[in-house]
Amino acid sequence: MAFQRVDIGFVGGQVLAVRLEEGPLKGLRKALERDPGWHDLEADDGQVALDLTKVAYVRLDSGEHKVGFITES
């Protein structure tokens, strides 16, 4: 399965960057819609317990990585 980079932002400004497969990502989004409280999330590098009442946003990486240089004429 392919992993997607996901940033989970919390009230207060902290951000947790994780890599998730499609199933756990869908589970997180459903839990945010219906189940305030604790949610166990299976990430690429281990399990994370999240307090969903503190989650401010979830950002999915677009997959477009841009590296470039600015040159002056």
PDB file of N, CA and C in Angstrom:
ATOM      1  N   MET A   1       0.837  -1.192   0.000  1.00  0.00           N
ATOM      2  CA  MET A   1       0.000   0.000   0.000  1.00  0.00           C
ATOM      3  C   MET A   1       0.873   1.243   0.000  1.00  0.00           C
ATOM      4  N   ALA A   2       0.338   2.292  -0.548  1.00  0.00           N
ATOM      5  CA  ALA A   2       1.055   3.567  -0.607  1.00  0.00           C
ATOM      6  C   ALA A   2       0.737   4.405   0.632  1.00  0.00           C
ATOM      7  N   PHE A   3       1.752   5.053   1.129  1.00  0.00           N
ATOM      8  CA  PHE A   3       1.591   5.936   2.272  1.00  0.00           C
ATOM      9  C   PHE A   3       1.485   7.371   1.782  1.00  0.00           C
ATOM     10  N   GLN A   4       0.699   8.155   2.514  1.00  0.00           N
ATOM     11  CA  GLN A   4       0.539   9.569   2.202  1.00  0.00           C
ATOM     12  C   GLN A   4       0.961  10.369   3.427  1.00  0.00           C
ATOM     13  N   ARG A   5       1.674  11.459   3.174  1.00  0.00           N
ATOM     14  CA  ARG A   5       2.096  12.315   4.284  1.00  0.00           C
ATOM     15  C   ARG A   5       0.907  13.161   4.734  1.00  0.00           C
ATOM     16  N   VAL A   6       0.682  13.183   6.039  1.00  0.00           N
ATOM     17  CA  VAL A   6      -0.437  13.907   6.632  1.00  0.00           C
ATOM     18  C   VAL A   6       0.093  14.728   7.802  1.00  0.00           C
ATOM     19  N   ASP A   7      -0.266  16.003   7.839  1.00  0.00           N
ATOM     20  CA  ASP A   7       0.058  16.859   8.976  1.00  0.00           C
ATOM     21  C   ASP A   7      -1.206  17.039   9.804  1.00  0.00           C
ATOM     22  N   ILE A   8      -1.106  16.761  11.088  1.00  0.00           N
ATOM     23  CA  ILE A   8      -2.233  16.926  12.001  1.00  0.00           C
ATOM     24  C   ILE A   8      -1.892  18.106  12.908  1.00  0.00           C
ATOM     25  N   GLY A   9      -2.670  19.179  12.787  1.00  0.00           N
ATOM     26  CA  GLY A   9      -2.426  20.381  13.576  1.00  0.00           C
ATOM     27  C   GLY A   9      -3.322  20.406  14.801  1.00  0.00           C
ATOM     28  N   PHE A  10      -2.760  20.869  15.905  1.00  0.00           N
ATOM     29  CA  PHE A  10      -3.481  20.890  17.171  1.00  0.00           C
ATOM     30  C   PHE A  10      -3.716  22.317  17.641  1.00  0.00           C
ATOM     31  N   VAL A  11      -4.741  22.482  18.459  1.00  0.00           N
ATOM     32  CA  VAL A  11      -4.991  23.760  19.116  1.00  0.00           C
ATOM     33  C   VAL A  11      -3.725  24.094  19.912  1.00  0.00           C
ATOM     34  N   GLY A  12      -3.216  25.291  19.737  1.00  0.00           N
ATOM     35  CA  GLY A  12      -1.980  25.673  20.406  1.00  0.00           C
ATOM     36  C   GLY A  12      -0.802  25.738  19.453  1.00  0.00           C
ATOM     37  N   GLY A  13      -0.972  25.171  18.229  1.00  0.00           N
ATOM     38  CA  GLY A  13       0.047  25.329  17.206  1.00  0.00           C
ATOM     39  C   GLY A  13       0.942  24.139  16.923  1.00  0.00           C
ATOM     40  N   GLN A  14       0.914  23.101  17.737  1.00  0.00           N
ATOM     41  CA  GLN A  14       1.754  21.941  17.465  1.00  0.00           C
ATOM     42  C   GLN A  14       1.253  21.215  16.226  1.00  0.00           C
ATOM     43  N   VAL A  15       2.194  20.600  15.494  1.00  0.00           N
ATOM     44  CA  VAL A  15       1.852  19.831  14.294  1.00  0.00           C
ATOM     45  C   VAL A  15       2.544  18.484  14.376  1.00  0.00           C
ATOM     46  N   LEU A  16       1.790  17.437  14.086  1.00  0.00           N
ATOM     47  CA  LEU A  16       2.332  16.086  14.038  1.00  0.00           C
ATOM     48  C   LEU A  16       2.322  15.632  12.590  1.00  0.00           C
ATOM     49  N   ALA A  17       3.486  15.324  12.029  1.00  0.00           N
ATOM     50  CA  ALA A  17       3.601  14.830  10.656  1.00  0.00           C
ATOM     51  C   ALA A  17       3.690  13.312  10.707  1.00  0.00           C
ATOM     52  N   VAL A  18       2.771  12.641  10.007  1.00  0.00           N
ATOM     53  CA  VAL A  18       2.757  11.178   9.972  1.00  0.00           C
ATOM     54  C   VAL A  18       2.561  10.716   8.533  1.00  0.00           C
ATOM     55  N   ARG A  19       2.887   9.457   8.296  1.00  0.00           N
ATOM     56  CA  ARG A  19       2.626   8.839   6.989  1.00  0.00           C
ATOM     57  C   ARG A  19       1.568   7.766   7.214  1.00  0.00           C
ATOM     58  N   LEU A  20       0.442   7.902   6.494  1.00  0.00           N
ATOM     59  CA  LEU A  20      -0.704   7.010   6.694  1.00  0.00           C
ATOM     60  C   LEU A  20      -1.101   6.315   5.406  1.00  0.00           C
ATOM     61  N   GLU A  21      -1.584   5.092   5.558  1.00  0.00           N
ATOM     62  CA  GLU A  21      -2.218   4.400   4.441  1.00  0.00           C
ATOM     63  C   GLU A  21      -3.656   4.900   4.340  1.00  0.00           C
ATOM     64  N   GLU A  22      -4.328   4.533   3.284  1.00  0.00           N
ATOM     65  CA  GLU A  22      -5.679   5.033   3.031  1.00  0.00           C
ATOM     66  C   GLU A  22      -6.669   4.646   4.123  1.00  0.00           C
ATOM     67  N   GLY A  23      -6.607   3.417   4.612  1.00  0.00           N
ATOM     68  CA  GLY A  23      -7.547   2.955   5.640  1.00  0.00           C
ATOM     69  C   GLY A  23      -7.478   3.766   6.929  1.00  0.00           C
ATOM     70  N   PRO A  24      -6.289   3.894   7.535  1.00  0.00           N
ATOM     71  CA  PRO A  24      -6.188   4.700   8.750  1.00  0.00           C
ATOM     72  C   PRO A  24      -6.553   6.168   8.533  1.00  0.00           C
ATOM     73  N   LEU A  25      -6.262   6.709   7.359  1.00  0.00           N
ATOM     74  CA  LEU A  25      -6.623   8.097   7.068  1.00  0.00           C
ATOM     75  C   LEU A  25      -8.145   8.259   7.032  1.00  0.00           C
ATOM     76  N   LYS A  26      -8.826   7.339   6.379  1.00  0.00           N
ATOM     77  CA  LYS A  26     -10.297   7.390   6.351  1.00  0.00           C
ATOM     78  C   LYS A  26     -10.869   7.209   7.754  1.00  0.00           C
ATOM     79  N   GLY A  27     -10.268   6.330   8.540  1.00  0.00           N
ATOM     80  CA  GLY A  27     -10.721   6.124   9.914  1.00  0.00           C
ATOM     81  C   GLY A  27     -10.568   7.379  10.760  1.00  0.00           C
ATOM     82  N   LEU A  28      -9.453   8.094  10.566  1.00  0.00           N
ATOM     83  CA  LEU A  28      -9.236   9.340  11.295  1.00  0.00           C
ATOM     84  C   LEU A  28     -10.281  10.372  10.916  1.00  0.00           C
ATOM     85  N   ARG A  29     -10.547  10.511   9.635  1.00  0.00           N
ATOM     86  CA  ARG A  29     -11.523  11.511   9.195  1.00  0.00           C
ATOM     87  C   ARG A  29     -12.925  11.192   9.712  1.00  0.00           C
ATOM     88  N   LYS A  30     -13.310   9.920   9.703  1.00  0.00           N
ATOM     89  CA  LYS A  30     -14.621   9.532  10.241  1.00  0.00           C
ATOM     90  C   LYS A  30     -14.691   9.780  11.741  1.00  0.00           C
ATOM     91  N   ALA A  31     -13.604   9.468  12.449  1.00  0.00           N
ATOM     92  CA  ALA A  31     -13.580   9.680  13.902  1.00  0.00           C
ATOM     93  C   ALA A  31     -13.686  11.166  14.222  1.00  0.00           C
ATOM     94  N   LEU A  32     -13.055  12.018  13.439  1.00  0.00           N
ATOM     95  CA  LEU A  32     -13.145  13.464  13.671  1.00  0.00           C
ATOM     96  C   LEU A  32     -14.573  13.970  13.486  1.00  0.00           C
ATOM     97  N   GLU A  33     -15.310  13.342  12.579  1.00  0.00           N
ATOM     98  CA  GLU A  33     -16.698  13.758  12.322  1.00  0.00           C
ATOM     99  C   GLU A  33     -17.659  13.321  13.419  1.00  0.00           C
ATOM    100  N   ARG A  34     -17.392  12.177  14.057  1.00  0.00           N
ATOM    101  CA  ARG A  34     -18.405  11.620  14.941  1.00  0.00           C
ATOM    102  C   ARG A  34     -17.975  11.347  16.367  1.00  0.00           C
ATOM    103  N   ASP A  35     -16.692  11.155  16.625  1.00  0.00           N
ATOM    104  CA  ASP A  35     -16.257  10.665  17.932  1.00  0.00           C
ATOM    105  C   ASP A  35     -15.244  11.576  18.615  1.00  0.00           C
ATOM    106  N   PRO A  36     -15.691  12.662  19.248  1.00  0.00           N
ATOM    107  CA  PRO A  36     -14.694  13.435  19.991  1.00  0.00           C
ATOM    108  C   PRO A  36     -14.157  12.578  21.132  1.00  0.00           C
ATOM    109  N   GLY A  37     -12.898  12.681  21.378  1.00  0.00           N
ATOM    110  CA  GLY A  37     -12.257  11.874  22.415  1.00  0.00           C
ATOM    111  C   GLY A  37     -10.971  11.290  21.860  1.00  0.00           C
ATOM    112  N   TRP A  38     -10.558  10.172  22.401  1.00  0.00           N
ATOM    113  CA  TRP A  38      -9.295   9.561  22.009  1.00  0.00           C
ATOM    114  C   TRP A  38      -9.471   8.632  20.817  1.00  0.00           C
ATOM    115  N   HIS A  39      -8.457   8.632  19.937  1.00  0.00           N
ATOM    116  CA  HIS A  39      -8.469   7.782  18.739  1.00  0.00           C
ATOM    117  C   HIS A  39      -7.063   7.223  18.541  1.00  0.00           C
ATOM    118  N   ASP A  40      -6.966   5.905  18.367  1.00  0.00           N
ATOM    119  CA  ASP A  40      -5.678   5.265  18.077  1.00  0.00           C
ATOM    120  C   ASP A  40      -5.470   5.253  16.575  1.00  0.00           C
ATOM    121  N   LEU A  41      -4.344   5.785  16.147  1.00  0.00           N
ATOM    122  CA  LEU A  41      -4.030   5.928  14.732  1.00  0.00           C
ATOM    123  C   LEU A  41      -2.804   5.090  14.417  1.00  0.00           C
ATOM    124  N   GLU A  42      -2.918   4.201  13.437  1.00  0.00           N
ATOM    125  CA  GLU A  42      -1.794   3.361  13.023  1.00  0.00           C
ATOM    126  C   GLU A  42      -1.043   4.059  11.902  1.00  0.00           C
ATOM    127  N   ALA A  43       0.117   4.599  12.225  1.00  0.00           N
ATOM    128  CA  ALA A  43       0.952   5.311  11.259  1.00  0.00           C
ATOM    129  C   ALA A  43       2.068   4.393  10.770  1.00  0.00           C
ATOM    130  N   ASP A  44       2.823   4.872   9.786  1.00  0.00           N
ATOM    131  CA  ASP A  44       3.913   4.111   9.191  1.00  0.00           C
ATOM    132  C   ASP A  44       4.945   3.689  10.230  1.00  0.00           C
ATOM    133  N   ASP A  45       5.243   4.558  11.182  1.00  0.00           N
ATOM    134  CA  ASP A  45       6.299   4.266  12.143  1.00  0.00           C
ATOM    135  C   ASP A  45       5.792   3.901  13.536  1.00  0.00           C
ATOM    136  N   GLY A  46       4.510   3.601  13.664  1.00  0.00           N
ATOM    137  CA  GLY A  46       3.977   3.161  14.946  1.00  0.00           C
ATOM    138  C   GLY A  46       2.597   3.713  15.229  1.00  0.00           C
ATOM    139  N   GLN A  47       2.050   3.343  16.369  1.00  0.00           N
ATOM    140  CA  GLN A  47       0.709   3.760  16.747  1.00  0.00           C
ATOM    141  C   GLN A  47       0.763   5.069  17.533  1.00  0.00           C
ATOM    142  N   VAL A  48      -0.208   5.942  17.243  1.00  0.00           N
ATOM    143  CA  VAL A  48      -0.304   7.234  17.916  1.00  0.00           C
ATOM    144  C   VAL A  48      -1.701   7.354  18.506  1.00  0.00           C
ATOM    145  N   ALA A  49      -1.792   7.770  19.777  1.00  0.00           N
ATOM    146  CA  ALA A  49      -3.082   8.034  20.410  1.00  0.00           C
ATOM    147  C   ALA A  49      -3.329   9.536  20.352  1.00  0.00           C
ATOM    148  N   LEU A  50      -4.440   9.933  19.732  1.00  0.00           N
ATOM    149  CA  LEU A  50      -4.766  11.346  19.544  1.00  0.00           C
ATOM    150  C   LEU A  50      -5.988  11.738  20.352  1.00  0.00           C
ATOM    151  N   ASP A  51      -5.932  12.913  20.971  1.00  0.00           N
ATOM    152  CA  ASP A  51      -7.107  13.505  21.606  1.00  0.00           C
ATOM    153  C   ASP A  51      -7.783  14.353  20.535  1.00  0.00           C
ATOM    154  N   LEU A  52      -8.843  13.831  19.950  1.00  0.00           N
ATOM    155  CA  LEU A  52      -9.493  14.491  18.815  1.00  0.00           C
ATOM    156  C   LEU A  52     -10.127  15.828  19.175  1.00  0.00           C
ATOM    157  N   THR A  53     -10.365  16.067  20.462  1.00  0.00           N
ATOM    158  CA  THR A  53     -10.926  17.362  20.848  1.00  0.00           C
ATOM    159  C   THR A  53      -9.897  18.481  20.691  1.00  0.00           C
ATOM    160  N   LYS A  54      -8.623  18.121  20.529  1.00  0.00           N
ATOM    161  CA  LYS A  54      -7.547  19.112  20.393  1.00  0.00           C
ATOM    162  C   LYS A  54      -7.084  19.298  18.945  1.00  0.00           C
ATOM    163  N   VAL A  55      -7.637  18.510  18.002  1.00  0.00           N
ATOM    164  CA  VAL A  55      -7.214  18.598  16.602  1.00  0.00           C
ATOM    165  C   VAL A  55      -7.874  19.809  15.945  1.00  0.00           C
ATOM    166  N   ALA A  56      -7.044  20.674  15.354  1.00  0.00           N
ATOM    167  CA  ALA A  56      -7.532  21.878  14.679  1.00  0.00           C
ATOM    168  C   ALA A  56      -7.679  21.651  13.175  1.00  0.00           C
ATOM    169  N   TYR A  57      -6.771  20.862  12.586  1.00  0.00           N
ATOM    170  CA  TYR A  57      -6.849  20.599  11.146  1.00  0.00           C
ATOM    171  C   TYR A  57      -6.073  19.340  10.781  1.00  0.00           C
ATOM    172  N   VAL A  58      -6.382  18.828   9.587  1.00  0.00           N
ATOM    173  CA  VAL A  58      -5.647  17.722   8.986  1.00  0.00           C
ATOM    174  C   VAL A  58      -5.305  18.161   7.568  1.00  0.00           C
ATOM    175  N   ARG A  59      -4.009  18.164   7.258  1.00  0.00           N
ATOM    176  CA  ARG A  59      -3.564  18.588   5.930  1.00  0.00           C
ATOM    177  C   ARG A  59      -2.928  17.408   5.222  1.00  0.00           C
ATOM    178  N   LEU A  60      -3.409  17.144   3.986  1.00  0.00           N
ATOM    179  CA  LEU A  60      -2.856  16.073   3.168  1.00  0.00           C
ATOM    180  C   LEU A  60      -1.825  16.661   2.225  1.00  0.00           C
ATOM    181  N   ASP A  61      -0.695  15.992   2.104  1.00  0.00           N
ATOM    182  CA  ASP A  61       0.352  16.447   1.201  1.00  0.00           C
ATOM    183  C   ASP A  61      -0.118  16.255  -0.231  1.00  0.00           C
ATOM    184  N   SER A  62       0.084  17.260  -1.063  1.00  0.00           N
ATOM    185  CA  SER A  62      -0.354  17.198  -2.454  1.00  0.00           C
ATOM    186  C   SER A  62       0.495  16.242  -3.282  1.00  0.00           C
ATOM    187  N   GLY A  63       1.670  15.911  -2.787  1.00  0.00           N
ATOM    188  CA  GLY A  63       2.549  15.026  -3.538  1.00  0.00           C
ATOM    189  C   GLY A  63       3.466  15.760  -4.482  1.00  0.00           C
ATOM    190  N   GLU A  64       3.241  17.051  -4.653  1.00  0.00           N
ATOM    191  CA  GLU A  64       4.077  17.852  -5.536  1.00  0.00           C
ATOM    192  C   GLU A  64       5.205  18.469  -4.729  1.00  0.00           C
ATOM    193  N   HIS A  65       6.399  18.006  -4.959  1.00  0.00           N
ATOM    194  CA  HIS A  65       7.556  18.560  -4.279  1.00  0.00           C
ATOM    195  C   HIS A  65       8.309  19.421  -5.269  1.00  0.00           C
ATOM    196  N   LYS A  66       8.509  20.654  -4.897  1.00  0.00           N
ATOM    197  CA  LYS A  66       9.153  21.595  -5.801  1.00  0.00           C
ATOM    198  C   LYS A  66      10.505  22.001  -5.231  1.00  0.00           C
ATOM    199  N   VAL A  67      11.510  21.828  -6.043  1.00  0.00           N
ATOM    200  CA  VAL A  67      12.837  22.282  -5.685  1.00  0.00           C
ATOM    201  C   VAL A  67      13.298  23.152  -6.847  1.00  0.00           C
ATOM    202  N   GLY A  68      13.753  24.305  -6.536  1.00  0.00           N
ATOM    203  CA  GLY A  68      14.158  25.176  -7.622  1.00  0.00           C
ATOM    204  C   GLY A  68      15.099  26.265  -7.143  1.00  0.00           C
ATOM    205  N   PHE A  69      15.590  26.978  -8.089  1.00  0.00           N
ATOM    206  CA  PHE A  69      16.521  28.060  -7.819  1.00  0.00           C
ATOM    207  C   PHE A  69      16.030  29.292  -8.521  1.00  0.00           C
ATOM    208  N   ILE A  70      16.238  30.408  -7.897  1.00  0.00           N
ATOM    209  CA  ILE A  70      15.885  31.694  -8.514  1.00  0.00           C
ATOM    210  C   ILE A  70      17.151  32.265  -9.123  1.00  0.00           C
ATOM    211  N   THR A  71      17.063  32.586 -10.382  1.00  0.00           N
ATOM    212  CA  THR A  71      18.219  33.206 -11.037  1.00  0.00           C
ATOM    213  C   THR A  71      17.846  34.625 -11.418  1.00  0.00           C
ATOM    214  N   GLU A  72      18.797  35.495 -11.265  1.00  0.00           N
ATOM    215  CA  GLU A  72      18.561  36.875 -11.631  1.00  0.00           C
ATOM    216  C   GLU A  72      19.186  37.138 -12.983  1.00  0.00           C
ATOM    217  N   SER A  73      18.502  37.919 -13.791  1.00  0.00           N
ATOM    218  CA  SER A  73      18.993  38.240 -15.138  1.00  0.00           C
ATOM    219  C   SER A  73      19.962  39.380 -15.106  1.00  0.00           C
TER     220      SER A  73
END
